[in-house]
Amino acid sequence: MNTPEQNFAALGLSLPPAPKPLGVYKPCLIDGKYLYLSGHGTVKDDGSLIIGRIGDGINQEDGKLAARQVGLAMLATIKANIGSLDKVKRVIKVLGMVNCTPDFEKHPFIINGCSELFAKVWGEDNGIGVRSAVGMGSLPDNIPVEIEALFELV
């Protein structure tokens, strides 16, 4: 059985820099055995953001990749703050927000980009928690996806 760190390494993906808060909040907070992550955006490896709206310049497949990029930013925050993905026991809840046109209806498909990443890192049993995927009229800096999550620590 591989560890979450080994599972992530096997994916061959890179982590962007852990995002810095752009407002008055903490990127993560530990309360007992729970790790709360604030909403994360589409931070790329060079620190820049994926920008745009799903259904208006960004298609579903690119939207799903944007959600995976948010998941990678969240993993970067976990590693920067607690040192290792191995210290996370499981994903409890994911809230995915999709910046999309009013007629767009495939929000869960988009957020699967992040959920599938977490399932690969922590496995099907521990990497899939409860989830909401909702559409928004806009998101900060016109990013296509923002996601927050709750994890249980080992």
C-alpha atoms as a PDB file:
ATOM      1  CA  MET A   1       0.000   0.000   0.000  1.00  0.00           C
ATOM      2  CA  ASN A   2       1.524   3.295  -1.112  1.00  0.00           C
ATOM      3  CA  THR A   3       1.525   6.431   0.986  1.00  0.00           C
ATOM      4  CA  PRO A   4      -0.207   9.598  -0.265  1.00  0.00           C
ATOM      5  CA  GLU A   5       3.236  11.106  -0.989  1.00  0.00           C
ATOM      6  CA  GLN A   6       4.177   8.058  -3.081  1.00  0.00           C
ATOM      7  CA  ASN A   7       0.818   8.167  -4.880  1.00  0.00           C
ATOM      8  CA  PHE A   8       1.326  11.827  -5.719  1.00  0.00           C
ATOM      9  CA  ALA A   9       4.891  11.254  -6.942  1.00  0.00           C
ATOM     10  CA  ALA A  10       3.629   8.473  -9.246  1.00  0.00           C
ATOM     11  CA  LEU A  11       1.287  10.946 -10.974  1.00  0.00           C
ATOM     12  CA  GLY A  12       4.248  12.920 -12.333  1.00  0.00           C
ATOM     13  CA  LEU A  13       2.538  16.247 -11.566  1.00  0.00           C
ATOM     14  CA  SER A  14       4.218  19.294 -10.052  1.00  0.00           C
ATOM     15  CA  LEU A  15       2.937  21.508  -7.280  1.00  0.00           C
ATOM     16  CA  PRO A  16       2.597  25.252  -7.793  1.00  0.00           C
ATOM     17  CA  PRO A  17       3.823  27.575  -5.053  1.00  0.00           C
ATOM     18  CA  ALA A  18       1.471  27.554  -2.060  1.00  0.00           C
ATOM     19  CA  PRO A  19      -0.769  30.590  -2.590  1.00  0.00           C
ATOM     20  CA  LYS A  20      -0.501  33.545  -0.221  1.00  0.00           C
ATOM     21  CA  PRO A  21      -3.715  35.047   1.204  1.00  0.00           C
ATOM     22  CA  LEU A  22      -5.092  37.919  -0.869  1.00  0.00           C
ATOM     23  CA  GLY A  23      -7.358  39.079   1.939  1.00  0.00           C
ATOM     24  CA  VAL A  24      -7.837  38.832   5.691  1.00  0.00           C
ATOM     25  CA  TYR A  25      -7.912  35.059   6.212  1.00  0.00           C
ATOM     26  CA  LYS A  26      -5.689  32.047   6.837  1.00  0.00           C
ATOM     27  CA  PRO A  27      -5.080  29.628   3.954  1.00  0.00           C
ATOM     28  CA  CYS A  28      -5.477  26.744   6.374  1.00  0.00           C
ATOM     29  CA  LEU A  29      -6.441  26.129   9.957  1.00  0.00           C
ATOM     30  CA  ILE A  30      -5.971  23.065  12.130  1.00  0.00           C
ATOM     31  CA  ASP A  31      -8.624  22.362  14.765  1.00  0.00           C
ATOM     32  CA  GLY A  32      -7.899  19.166  16.645  1.00  0.00           C
ATOM     33  CA  LYS A  33      -7.826  16.410  14.051  1.00  0.00           C
ATOM     34  CA  TYR A  34      -9.297  18.548  11.261  1.00  0.00           C
ATOM     35  CA  LEU A  35      -7.548  20.629   8.603  1.00  0.00           C
ATOM     36  CA  TYR A  36      -9.665  23.335   6.980  1.00  0.00           C
ATOM     37  CA  LEU A  37      -8.480  24.851   3.706  1.00  0.00           C
ATOM     38  CA  SER A  38      -9.801  28.226   2.597  1.00  0.00           C
ATOM     39  CA  GLY A  39     -10.950  28.685  -0.961  1.00  0.00           C
ATOM     40  CA  HIS A  40      -8.067  28.119  -3.382  1.00  0.00           C
ATOM     41  CA  GLY A  41      -7.778  29.306  -6.948  1.00  0.00           C
ATOM     42  CA  THR A  42      -6.150  28.214 -10.162  1.00  0.00           C
ATOM     43  CA  VAL A  43      -2.486  28.870  -9.300  1.00  0.00           C
ATOM     44  CA  LYS A  44      -0.104  27.613 -11.990  1.00  0.00           C
ATOM     45  CA  ASP A  45       3.492  26.469 -11.502  1.00  0.00           C
ATOM     46  CA  ASP A  46       4.803  29.960 -12.288  1.00  0.00           C
ATOM     47  CA  GLY A  47       2.505  31.531  -9.661  1.00  0.00           C
ATOM     48  CA  SER A  48       0.163  33.081 -12.224  1.00  0.00           C
ATOM     49  CA  LEU A  49      -3.556  32.250 -12.408  1.00  0.00           C
ATOM     50  CA  ILE A  50      -5.675  30.505 -14.995  1.00  0.00           C
ATOM     51  CA  ILE A  51      -8.230  33.189 -15.907  1.00  0.00           C
ATOM     52  CA  GLY A  52     -11.594  32.951 -17.625  1.00  0.00           C
ATOM     53  CA  ARG A  53     -15.160  31.765 -17.439  1.00  0.00           C
ATOM     54  CA  ILE A  54     -16.465  28.294 -18.240  1.00  0.00           C
ATOM     55  CA  GLY A  55     -18.833  28.481 -21.188  1.00  0.00           C
ATOM     56  CA  ASP A  56     -17.256  31.748 -22.356  1.00  0.00           C
ATOM     57  CA  GLY A  57     -13.715  31.097 -23.548  1.00  0.00           C
ATOM     58  CA  ILE A  58     -13.024  28.026 -21.402  1.00  0.00           C
ATOM     59  CA  ASN A  59     -14.527  24.675 -22.401  1.00  0.00           C
ATOM     60  CA  GLN A  60     -15.502  21.809 -20.071  1.00  0.00           C
ATOM     61  CA  GLU A  61     -12.257  19.850 -20.484  1.00  0.00           C
ATOM     62  CA  ASP A  62     -10.094  22.902 -19.765  1.00  0.00           C
ATOM     63  CA  GLY A  63     -12.375  23.723 -16.841  1.00  0.00           C
ATOM     64  CA  LYS A  64     -11.793  20.256 -15.405  1.00  0.00           C
ATOM     65  CA  LEU A  65      -8.027  20.770 -15.783  1.00  0.00           C
ATOM     66  CA  ALA A  66      -8.395  24.134 -14.020  1.00  0.00           C
ATOM     67  CA  ALA A  67     -10.098  22.330 -11.115  1.00  0.00           C
ATOM     68  CA  ARG A  68      -7.229  19.840 -10.990  1.00  0.00           C
ATOM     69  CA  GLN A  69      -4.852  22.818 -10.839  1.00  0.00           C
ATOM     70  CA  VAL A  70      -6.798  24.132  -7.839  1.00  0.00           C
ATOM     71  CA  GLY A  71      -6.370  20.712  -6.225  1.00  0.00           C
ATOM     72  CA  LEU A  72      -2.626  20.943  -6.813  1.00  0.00           C
ATOM     73  CA  ALA A  73      -2.567  24.381  -5.157  1.00  0.00           C
ATOM     74  CA  MET A  74      -4.396  22.862  -2.190  1.00  0.00           C
ATOM     75  CA  LEU A  75      -1.843  20.053  -1.962  1.00  0.00           C
ATOM     76  CA  ALA A  76       0.912  22.706  -2.013  1.00  0.00           C
ATOM     77  CA  THR A  77      -0.752  24.487   0.912  1.00  0.00           C
ATOM     78  CA  ILE A  78      -1.001  21.217   2.853  1.00  0.00           C
ATOM     79  CA  LYS A  79       2.688  20.445   2.305  1.00  0.00           C
ATOM     80  CA  ALA A  80       3.756  24.022   3.130  1.00  0.00           C
ATOM     81  CA  ASN A  81       1.809  24.041   6.383  1.00  0.00           C
ATOM     82  CA  ILE A  82       1.990  20.499   7.772  1.00  0.00           C
ATOM     83  CA  GLY A  83       4.958  19.097   5.844  1.00  0.00           C
ATOM     84  CA  SER A  84       3.522  16.024   4.167  1.00  0.00           C
ATOM     85  CA  LEU A  85       0.420  14.683   2.437  1.00  0.00           C
ATOM     86  CA  ASP A  86       0.923  11.571   4.590  1.00  0.00           C
ATOM     87  CA  LYS A  87      -0.343  13.534   7.606  1.00  0.00           C
ATOM     88  CA  VAL A  88      -3.824  13.699   6.028  1.00  0.00           C
ATOM     89  CA  LYS A  89      -5.971  10.654   6.769  1.00  0.00           C
ATOM     90  CA  ARG A  90      -8.891  11.465   4.472  1.00  0.00           C
ATOM     91  CA  VAL A  91     -10.897  14.038   2.585  1.00  0.00           C
ATOM     92  CA  ILE A  92     -14.122  14.903   4.408  1.00  0.00           C
ATOM     93  CA  LYS A  93     -15.742  17.641   2.312  1.00  0.00           C
ATOM     94  CA  VAL A  94     -15.070  19.571  -0.880  1.00  0.00           C
ATOM     95  CA  LEU A  95     -16.963  22.693  -1.964  1.00  0.00           C
ATOM     96  CA  GLY A  96     -16.320  23.540  -5.600  1.00  0.00           C
ATOM     97  CA  MET A  97     -17.387  26.855  -7.116  1.00  0.00           C
ATOM     98  CA  VAL A  98     -17.443  27.273 -10.880  1.00  0.00           C
ATOM     99  CA  ASN A  99     -17.312  30.688 -12.584  1.00  0.00           C
ATOM    100  CA  CYS A 100     -19.604  29.982 -15.522  1.00  0.00           C
ATOM    101  CA  THR A 101     -22.227  31.313 -17.874  1.00  0.00           C
ATOM    102  CA  PRO A 102     -25.849  31.125 -16.649  1.00  0.00           C
ATOM    103  CA  ASP A 103     -26.677  28.297 -19.073  1.00  0.00           C
ATOM    104  CA  PHE A 104     -23.778  26.044 -17.938  1.00  0.00           C
ATOM    105  CA  GLU A 105     -25.009  22.947 -16.058  1.00  0.00           C
ATOM    106  CA  LYS A 106     -22.036  20.577 -15.712  1.00  0.00           C
ATOM    107  CA  HIS A 107     -20.552  21.901 -12.464  1.00  0.00           C
ATOM    108  CA  PRO A 108     -19.894  18.406 -11.025  1.00  0.00           C
ATOM    109  CA  PHE A 109     -17.909  17.450 -14.151  1.00  0.00           C
ATOM    110  CA  ILE A 110     -15.633  20.464 -13.634  1.00  0.00           C
ATOM    111  CA  ILE A 111     -15.030  19.805  -9.935  1.00  0.00           C
ATOM    112  CA  ASN A 112     -14.225  16.157 -10.732  1.00  0.00           C
ATOM    113  CA  GLY A 113     -10.819  17.497 -11.823  1.00  0.00           C
ATOM    114  CA  CYS A 114      -9.989  18.123  -8.166  1.00  0.00           C
ATOM    115  CA  SER A 115     -11.903  15.150  -6.748  1.00  0.00           C
ATOM    116  CA  GLU A 116     -10.195  12.692  -9.099  1.00  0.00           C
ATOM    117  CA  LEU A 117      -6.793  14.082  -8.043  1.00  0.00           C
ATOM    118  CA  PHE A 118      -7.618  13.622  -4.350  1.00  0.00           C
ATOM    119  CA  ALA A 119      -8.875  10.069  -5.042  1.00  0.00           C
ATOM    120  CA  LYS A 120      -5.539   9.248  -6.695  1.00  0.00           C
ATOM    121  CA  VAL A 121      -3.529  10.728  -3.823  1.00  0.00           C
ATOM    122  CA  TRP A 122      -5.459   9.255  -0.860  1.00  0.00           C
ATOM    123  CA  GLY A 123      -7.177   6.326  -2.609  1.00  0.00           C
ATOM    124  CA  GLU A 124     -10.867   5.728  -3.325  1.00  0.00           C
ATOM    125  CA  ASP A 125     -11.816   5.130   0.329  1.00  0.00           C
ATOM    126  CA  ASN A 126     -10.046   8.126   1.860  1.00  0.00           C
ATOM    127  CA  GLY A 127      -9.734  10.495  -1.079  1.00  0.00           C
ATOM    128  CA  ILE A 128     -13.436  10.884  -1.824  1.00  0.00           C
ATOM    129  CA  GLY A 129     -15.567  12.775   0.664  1.00  0.00           C
ATOM    130  CA  VAL A 130     -18.890  14.566   0.514  1.00  0.00           C
ATOM    131  CA  ARG A 131     -19.053  17.368  -2.024  1.00  0.00           C
ATOM    132  CA  SER A 132     -20.966  20.279  -3.473  1.00  0.00           C
ATOM    133  CA  ALA A 133     -20.346  21.726  -6.939  1.00  0.00           C
ATOM    134  CA  VAL A 134     -22.099  25.013  -7.662  1.00  0.00           C
ATOM    135  CA  GLY A 135     -22.089  27.713 -10.311  1.00  0.00           C
ATOM    136  CA  MET A 136     -21.188  31.315  -9.576  1.00  0.00           C
ATOM    137  CA  GLY A 137     -21.739  34.532 -11.480  1.00  0.00           C
ATOM    138  CA  SER A 138     -18.107  35.491 -10.873  1.00  0.00           C
ATOM    139  CA  LEU A 139     -15.075  34.531  -8.809  1.00  0.00           C
ATOM    140  CA  PRO A 140     -12.072  36.584  -7.594  1.00  0.00           C
ATOM    141  CA  ASP A 141      -9.752  37.788 -10.383  1.00  0.00           C
ATOM    142  CA  ASN A 142     -12.049  36.038 -12.894  1.00  0.00           C
ATOM    143  CA  ILE A 143     -10.619  32.596 -12.066  1.00  0.00           C
ATOM    144  CA  PRO A 144     -12.731  29.732 -13.465  1.00  0.00           C
ATOM    145  CA  VAL A 145     -12.745  27.592 -10.307  1.00  0.00           C
ATOM    146  CA  GLU A 146     -12.398  28.067  -6.549  1.00  0.00           C
ATOM    147  CA  ILE A 147     -12.432  25.147  -4.107  1.00  0.00           C
ATOM    148  CA  GLU A 148     -12.350  24.839  -0.335  1.00  0.00           C
ATOM    149  CA  ALA A 149     -12.037  21.591   1.608  1.00  0.00           C
ATOM    150  CA  LEU A 150     -12.020  19.880   4.978  1.00  0.00           C
ATOM    151  CA  PHE A 151      -9.637  17.010   5.774  1.00  0.00           C
ATOM    152  CA  GLU A 152      -9.143  14.678   8.725  1.00  0.00           C
ATOM    153  CA  LEU A 153      -5.561  14.431   9.966  1.00  0.00           C
ATOM    154  CA  VAL A 154      -3.813  11.201  10.974  1.00  0.00           C
END
